[in-house]
Amino acid sequence: MEKYKKKFDVSQIGNFFTVKEAAAEGRLHQVTVRRLLTDRKLTRYKLGRRTLIKRDEFLALIKPTEIVPAD
């Protein structure tokens, strides 16, 4: 099985975002989230036709690494 496509454990559904939810949470376009999946910067989990993303993984990716003071 490829690394970027994992089987999904239904009991853990609360720990995942759909693409639409992830885009809303990160204030990104859905296409941007799908591109992150395609580029394998995020792991893709499938539940039927739905694509799911781990919340922790997504939030860690979009978290700012450095705070830049405004001038």
PDB file of N, CA and C in Angstrom:
ATOM      1  N   MET A   1       0.850  -1.183   0.000  1.00  0.00           N
ATOM      2  CA  MET A   1       0.000   0.000   0.000  1.00  0.00           C
ATOM      3  C   MET A   1       0.894   1.244   0.000  1.00  0.00           C
ATOM      4  N   GLU A   2       0.514   2.225  -0.757  1.00  0.00           N
ATOM      5  CA  GLU A   2       1.302   3.450  -0.839  1.00  0.00           C
ATOM      6  C   GLU A   2       1.222   4.229   0.462  1.00  0.00           C
ATOM      7  N   LYS A   3       2.286   4.947   0.770  1.00  0.00           N
ATOM      8  CA  LYS A   3       2.377   5.676   2.037  1.00  0.00           C
ATOM      9  C   LYS A   3       1.310   6.759   2.169  1.00  0.00           C
ATOM     10  N   TYR A   4       0.976   7.437   1.086  1.00  0.00           N
ATOM     11  CA  TYR A   4       0.068   8.574   1.178  1.00  0.00           C
ATOM     12  C   TYR A   4      -1.400   8.171   1.239  1.00  0.00           C
ATOM     13  N   LYS A   5      -1.707   6.909   1.059  1.00  0.00           N
ATOM     14  CA  LYS A   5      -3.100   6.458   1.074  1.00  0.00           C
ATOM     15  C   LYS A   5      -3.233   5.354   2.124  1.00  0.00           C
ATOM     16  N   LYS A   6      -3.895   5.666   3.228  1.00  0.00           N
ATOM     17  CA  LYS A   6      -4.000   4.735   4.349  1.00  0.00           C
ATOM     18  C   LYS A   6      -5.443   4.297   4.536  1.00  0.00           C
ATOM     19  N   LYS A   7      -5.620   3.109   5.118  1.00  0.00           N
ATOM     20  CA  LYS A   7      -6.965   2.655   5.473  1.00  0.00           C
ATOM     21  C   LYS A   7      -7.439   3.443   6.680  1.00  0.00           C
ATOM     22  N   PHE A   8      -8.728   3.593   6.787  1.00  0.00           N
ATOM     23  CA  PHE A   8      -9.311   4.447   7.808  1.00  0.00           C
ATOM     24  C   PHE A   8      -9.994   3.624   8.889  1.00  0.00           C
ATOM     25  N   ASP A   9      -9.755   3.963  10.156  1.00  0.00           N
ATOM     26  CA  ASP A   9     -10.404   3.338  11.303  1.00  0.00           C
ATOM     27  C   ASP A   9     -11.577   4.236  11.711  1.00  0.00           C
ATOM     28  N   VAL A  10     -12.799   3.770  11.505  1.00  0.00           N
ATOM     29  CA  VAL A  10     -14.006   4.570  11.712  1.00  0.00           C
ATOM     30  C   VAL A  10     -14.134   5.070  13.153  1.00  0.00           C
ATOM     31  N   SER A  11     -13.580   4.355  14.121  1.00  0.00           N
ATOM     32  CA  SER A  11     -13.704   4.776  15.524  1.00  0.00           C
ATOM     33  C   SER A  11     -12.954   6.077  15.802  1.00  0.00           C
ATOM     34  N   GLN A  12     -12.080   6.491  14.913  1.00  0.00           N
ATOM     35  CA  GLN A  12     -11.273   7.703  15.098  1.00  0.00           C
ATOM     36  C   GLN A  12     -11.779   8.891  14.280  1.00  0.00           C
ATOM     37  N   ILE A  13     -13.018   8.860  13.831  1.00  0.00           N
ATOM     38  CA  ILE A  13     -13.540   9.883  12.912  1.00  0.00           C
ATOM     39  C   ILE A  13     -13.436  11.304  13.459  1.00  0.00           C
ATOM     40  N   GLY A  14     -13.483  11.492  14.756  1.00  0.00           N
ATOM     41  CA  GLY A  14     -13.396  12.830  15.338  1.00  0.00           C
ATOM     42  C   GLY A  14     -12.025  13.464  15.211  1.00  0.00           C
ATOM     43  N   ASN A  15     -11.026  12.684  14.854  1.00  0.00           N
ATOM     44  CA  ASN A  15      -9.658  13.193  14.725  1.00  0.00           C
ATOM     45  C   ASN A  15      -9.308  13.562  13.294  1.00  0.00           C
ATOM     46  N   PHE A  16     -10.305  13.632  12.422  1.00  0.00           N
ATOM     47  CA  PHE A  16     -10.052  13.874  11.008  1.00  0.00           C
ATOM     48  C   PHE A  16     -10.882  15.033  10.477  1.00  0.00           C
ATOM     49  N   PHE A  17     -10.364  15.679   9.433  1.00  0.00           N
ATOM     50  CA  PHE A  17     -11.069  16.694   8.660  1.00  0.00           C
ATOM     51  C   PHE A  17     -11.390  16.106   7.299  1.00  0.00           C
ATOM     52  N   THR A  18     -12.496  16.533   6.710  1.00  0.00           N
ATOM     53  CA  THR A  18     -12.698  16.323   5.283  1.00  0.00           C
ATOM     54  C   THR A  18     -11.893  17.423   4.585  1.00  0.00           C
ATOM     55  N   VAL A  19     -11.763  17.341   3.286  1.00  0.00           N
ATOM     56  CA  VAL A  19     -11.044  18.382   2.541  1.00  0.00           C
ATOM     57  C   VAL A  19     -11.732  19.730   2.743  1.00  0.00           C
ATOM     58  N   LYS A  20     -13.056  19.734   2.703  1.00  0.00           N
ATOM     59  CA  LYS A  20     -13.818  20.976   2.867  1.00  0.00           C
ATOM     60  C   LYS A  20     -13.598  21.572   4.257  1.00  0.00           C
ATOM     61  N   GLU A  21     -13.631  20.738   5.296  1.00  0.00           N
ATOM     62  CA  GLU A  21     -13.420  21.209   6.661  1.00  0.00           C
ATOM     63  C   GLU A  21     -12.002  21.729   6.860  1.00  0.00           C
ATOM     64  N   ALA A  22     -11.028  21.022   6.298  1.00  0.00           N
ATOM     65  CA  ALA A  22      -9.636  21.452   6.421  1.00  0.00           C
ATOM     66  C   ALA A  22      -9.436  22.808   5.740  1.00  0.00           C
ATOM     67  N   ALA A  23     -10.027  22.979   4.578  1.00  0.00           N
ATOM     68  CA  ALA A  23      -9.906  24.245   3.856  1.00  0.00           C
ATOM     69  C   ALA A  23     -10.511  25.385   4.678  1.00  0.00           C
ATOM     70  N   ALA A  24     -11.653  25.144   5.274  1.00  0.00           N
ATOM     71  CA  ALA A  24     -12.299  26.176   6.092  1.00  0.00           C
ATOM     72  C   ALA A  24     -11.464  26.490   7.328  1.00  0.00           C
ATOM     73  N   GLU A  25     -10.950  25.468   7.990  1.00  0.00           N
ATOM     74  CA  GLU A  25     -10.143  25.653   9.198  1.00  0.00           C
ATOM     75  C   GLU A  25      -8.861  26.440   8.911  1.00  0.00           C
ATOM     76  N   GLY A  26      -8.236  26.137   7.778  1.00  0.00           N
ATOM     77  CA  GLY A  26      -6.984  26.800   7.429  1.00  0.00           C
ATOM     78  C   GLY A  26      -7.165  28.049   6.594  1.00  0.00           C
ATOM     79  N   ARG A  27      -8.420  28.398   6.319  1.00  0.00           N
ATOM     80  CA  ARG A  27      -8.731  29.534   5.445  1.00  0.00           C
ATOM     81  C   ARG A  27      -8.002  29.413   4.109  1.00  0.00           C
ATOM     82  N   LEU A  28      -8.101  28.218   3.545  1.00  0.00           N
ATOM     83  CA  LEU A  28      -7.489  27.892   2.261  1.00  0.00           C
ATOM     84  C   LEU A  28      -8.580  27.474   1.289  1.00  0.00           C
ATOM     85  N   HIS A  29      -8.251  27.437   0.016  1.00  0.00           N
ATOM     86  CA  HIS A  29      -9.172  26.919  -0.988  1.00  0.00           C
ATOM     87  C   HIS A  29      -9.060  25.396  -0.982  1.00  0.00           C
ATOM     88  N   GLN A  30     -10.137  24.716  -1.307  1.00  0.00           N
ATOM     89  CA  GLN A  30     -10.118  23.251  -1.339  1.00  0.00           C
ATOM     90  C   GLN A  30      -9.072  22.719  -2.313  1.00  0.00           C
ATOM     91  N   VAL A  31      -8.857  23.426  -3.393  1.00  0.00           N
ATOM     92  CA  VAL A  31      -7.851  23.009  -4.378  1.00  0.00           C
ATOM     93  C   VAL A  31      -6.455  23.023  -3.738  1.00  0.00           C
ATOM     94  N   THR A  32      -6.189  23.991  -2.877  1.00  0.00           N
ATOM     95  CA  THR A  32      -4.900  24.075  -2.198  1.00  0.00           C
ATOM     96  C   THR A  32      -4.706  22.866  -1.281  1.00  0.00           C
ATOM     97  N   VAL A  33      -5.751  22.485  -0.560  1.00  0.00           N
ATOM     98  CA  VAL A  33      -5.669  21.317   0.327  1.00  0.00           C
ATOM     99  C   VAL A  33      -5.440  20.059  -0.511  1.00  0.00           C
ATOM    100  N   ARG A  34      -6.155  19.922  -1.611  1.00  0.00           N
ATOM    101  CA  ARG A  34      -5.961  18.755  -2.484  1.00  0.00           C
ATOM    102  C   ARG A  34      -4.552  18.726  -3.069  1.00  0.00           C
ATOM    103  N   ARG A  35      -4.004  19.893  -3.368  1.00  0.00           N
ATOM    104  CA  ARG A  35      -2.638  19.961  -3.888  1.00  0.00           C
ATOM    105  C   ARG A  35      -1.634  19.487  -2.830  1.00  0.00           C
ATOM    106  N   LEU A  36      -1.869  19.855  -1.562  1.00  0.00           N
ATOM    107  CA  LEU A  36      -1.005  19.373  -0.472  1.00  0.00           C
ATOM    108  C   LEU A  36      -1.066  17.849  -0.361  1.00  0.00           C
ATOM    109  N   LEU A  37      -2.235  17.281  -0.604  1.00  0.00           N
ATOM    110  CA  LEU A  37      -2.376  15.830  -0.600  1.00  0.00           C
ATOM    111  C   LEU A  37      -1.631  15.209  -1.778  1.00  0.00           C
ATOM    112  N   THR A  38      -1.787  15.798  -2.953  1.00  0.00           N
ATOM    113  CA  THR A  38      -1.115  15.291  -4.151  1.00  0.00           C
ATOM    114  C   THR A  38       0.394  15.378  -4.015  1.00  0.00           C
ATOM    115  N   ASP A  39       0.880  16.456  -3.422  1.00  0.00           N
ATOM    116  CA  ASP A  39       2.325  16.645  -3.226  1.00  0.00           C
ATOM    117  C   ASP A  39       2.856  15.830  -2.049  1.00  0.00           C
ATOM    118  N   ARG A  40       1.961  15.080  -1.394  1.00  0.00           N
ATOM    119  CA  ARG A  40       2.289  14.205  -0.266  1.00  0.00           C
ATOM    120  C   ARG A  40       2.839  14.952   0.937  1.00  0.00           C
ATOM    121  N   LYS A  41       2.405  16.175   1.102  1.00  0.00           N
ATOM    122  CA  LYS A  41       2.740  16.933   2.306  1.00  0.00           C
ATOM    123  C   LYS A  41       1.764  16.584   3.422  1.00  0.00           C
ATOM    124  N   LEU A  42       0.624  16.002   3.044  1.00  0.00           N
ATOM    125  CA  LEU A  42      -0.378  15.480   3.979  1.00  0.00           C
ATOM    126  C   LEU A  42      -0.693  14.041   3.586  1.00  0.00           C
ATOM    127  N   THR A  43      -1.042  13.225   4.577  1.00  0.00           N
ATOM    128  CA  THR A  43      -1.418  11.836   4.321  1.00  0.00           C
ATOM    129  C   THR A  43      -2.905  11.768   4.021  1.00  0.00           C
ATOM    130  N   ARG A  44      -3.243  11.032   2.974  1.00  0.00           N
ATOM    131  CA  ARG A  44      -4.630  10.870   2.530  1.00  0.00           C
ATOM    132  C   ARG A  44      -5.196   9.600   3.140  1.00  0.00           C
ATOM    133  N   TYR A  45      -6.354   9.707   3.801  1.00  0.00           N
ATOM    134  CA  TYR A  45      -7.084   8.562   4.333  1.00  0.00           C
ATOM    135  C   TYR A  45      -8.411   8.496   3.590  1.00  0.00           C
ATOM    136  N   LYS A  46      -8.821   7.304   3.198  1.00  0.00           N
ATOM    137  CA  LYS A  46     -10.058   7.156   2.433  1.00  0.00           C
ATOM    138  C   LYS A  46     -11.104   6.425   3.259  1.00  0.00           C
ATOM    139  N   LEU A  47     -12.328   6.938   3.214  1.00  0.00           N
ATOM    140  CA  LEU A  47     -13.498   6.297   3.796  1.00  0.00           C
ATOM    141  C   LEU A  47     -14.546   6.304   2.697  1.00  0.00           C
ATOM    142  N   GLY A  48     -14.625   5.219   1.961  1.00  0.00           N
ATOM    143  CA  GLY A  48     -15.474   5.182   0.772  1.00  0.00           C
ATOM    144  C   GLY A  48     -14.912   6.161  -0.250  1.00  0.00           C
ATOM    145  N   ARG A  49     -15.733   7.101  -0.682  1.00  0.00           N
ATOM    146  CA  ARG A  49     -15.280   8.115  -1.642  1.00  0.00           C
ATOM    147  C   ARG A  49     -14.695   9.333  -0.964  1.00  0.00           C
ATOM    148  N   ARG A  50     -14.877   9.432   0.364  1.00  0.00           N
ATOM    149  CA  ARG A  50     -14.416  10.618   1.096  1.00  0.00           C
ATOM    150  C   ARG A  50     -12.913  10.574   1.347  1.00  0.00           C
ATOM    151  N   THR A  51     -12.276  11.708   1.193  1.00  0.00           N
ATOM    152  CA  THR A  51     -10.869  11.857   1.526  1.00  0.00           C
ATOM    153  C   THR A  51     -10.789  12.558   2.867  1.00  0.00           C
ATOM    154  N   LEU A  52     -10.037  11.976   3.795  1.00  0.00           N
ATOM    155  CA  LEU A  52      -9.908  12.522   5.140  1.00  0.00           C
ATOM    156  C   LEU A  52      -8.451  12.838   5.439  1.00  0.00           C
ATOM    157  N   ILE A  53      -8.261  13.806   6.334  1.00  0.00           N
ATOM    158  CA  ILE A  53      -6.927  14.279   6.716  1.00  0.00           C
ATOM    159  C   ILE A  53      -6.887  14.332   8.234  1.00  0.00           C
ATOM    160  N   LYS A  54      -5.799  13.840   8.832  1.00  0.00           N
ATOM    161  CA  LYS A  54      -5.668  13.911  10.289  1.00  0.00           C
ATOM    162  C   LYS A  54      -5.617  15.367  10.724  1.00  0.00           C
ATOM    163  N   ARG A  55      -6.398  15.713  11.731  1.00  0.00           N
ATOM    164  CA  ARG A  55      -6.439  17.085  12.246  1.00  0.00           C
ATOM    165  C   ARG A  55      -5.059  17.551  12.696  1.00  0.00           C
ATOM    166  N   ASP A  56      -4.406  16.739  13.522  1.00  0.00           N
ATOM    167  CA  ASP A  56      -3.105  17.129  14.073  1.00  0.00           C
ATOM    168  C   ASP A  56      -2.070  17.372  12.972  1.00  0.00           C
ATOM    169  N   GLU A  57      -2.068  16.509  11.971  1.00  0.00           N
ATOM    170  CA  GLU A  57      -1.115  16.635  10.872  1.00  0.00           C
ATOM    171  C   GLU A  57      -1.366  17.922  10.075  1.00  0.00           C
ATOM    172  N   PHE A  58      -2.639  18.200   9.805  1.00  0.00           N
ATOM    173  CA  PHE A  58      -2.988  19.399   9.046  1.00  0.00           C
ATOM    174  C   PHE A  58      -2.648  20.670   9.827  1.00  0.00           C
ATOM    175  N   LEU A  59      -3.036  20.707  11.103  1.00  0.00           N
ATOM    176  CA  LEU A  59      -2.783  21.896  11.920  1.00  0.00           C
ATOM    177  C   LEU A  59      -1.289  22.137  12.110  1.00  0.00           C
ATOM    178  N   ALA A  60      -0.508  21.068  12.224  1.00  0.00           N
ATOM    179  CA  ALA A  60       0.951  21.213  12.351  1.00  0.00           C
ATOM    180  C   ALA A  60       1.550  21.781  11.066  1.00  0.00           C
ATOM    181  N   LEU A  61       0.989  21.397   9.928  1.00  0.00           N
ATOM    182  CA  LEU A  61       1.511  21.878   8.646  1.00  0.00           C
ATOM    183  C   LEU A  61       1.225  23.357   8.437  1.00  0.00           C
ATOM    184  N   ILE A  62       0.034  23.818   8.830  1.00  0.00           N
ATOM    185  CA  ILE A  62      -0.325  25.216   8.554  1.00  0.00           C
ATOM    186  C   ILE A  62       0.058  26.159   9.689  1.00  0.00           C
ATOM    187  N   LYS A  63       0.514  25.619  10.826  1.00  0.00           N
ATOM    188  CA  LYS A  63       0.884  26.450  11.969  1.00  0.00           C
ATOM    189  C   LYS A  63       2.071  27.336  11.582  1.00  0.00           C
ATOM    190  N   PRO A  64       1.996  28.630  11.882  1.00  0.00           N
ATOM    191  CA  PRO A  64       3.126  29.496  11.575  1.00  0.00           C
ATOM    192  C   PRO A  64       4.342  29.069  12.393  1.00  0.00           C
ATOM    193  N   THR A  65       5.503  29.070  11.759  1.00  0.00           N
ATOM    194  CA  THR A  65       6.718  28.646  12.452  1.00  0.00           C
ATOM    195  C   THR A  65       7.426  29.812  13.122  1.00  0.00           C
ATOM    196  N   GLU A  66       7.121  31.023  12.678  1.00  0.00           N
ATOM    197  CA  GLU A  66       7.800  32.193  13.211  1.00  0.00           C
ATOM    198  C   GLU A  66       6.839  33.381  13.196  1.00  0.00           C
ATOM    199  N   ILE A  67       6.838  34.135  14.266  1.00  0.00           N
ATOM    200  CA  ILE A  67       5.997  35.330  14.326  1.00  0.00           C
ATOM    201  C   ILE A  67       6.823  36.522  13.898  1.00  0.00           C
ATOM    202  N   VAL A  68       6.334  37.213  12.883  1.00  0.00           N
ATOM    203  CA  VAL A  68       7.030  38.387  12.356  1.00  0.00           C
ATOM    204  C   VAL A  68       6.287  39.617  12.843  1.00  0.00           C
ATOM    205  N   PRO A  69       6.944  40.507  13.591  1.00  0.00           N
ATOM    206  CA  PRO A  69       6.255  41.700  14.080  1.00  0.00           C
ATOM    207  C   PRO A  69       5.875  42.632  12.934  1.00  0.00           C
ATOM    208  N   ALA A  70       4.710  43.224  13.037  1.00  0.00           N
ATOM    209  CA  ALA A  70       4.260  44.183  12.029  1.00  0.00           C
ATOM    210  C   ALA A  70       4.988  45.515  12.239  1.00  0.00           C
ATOM    211  N   ASP A  71       5.327  46.145  11.142  1.00  0.00           N
ATOM    212  CA  ASP A  71       6.013  47.438  11.214  1.00  0.00           C
ATOM    213  C   ASP A  71       5.038  48.580  11.250  1.00  0.00           C
TER     214      ASP A  71
END
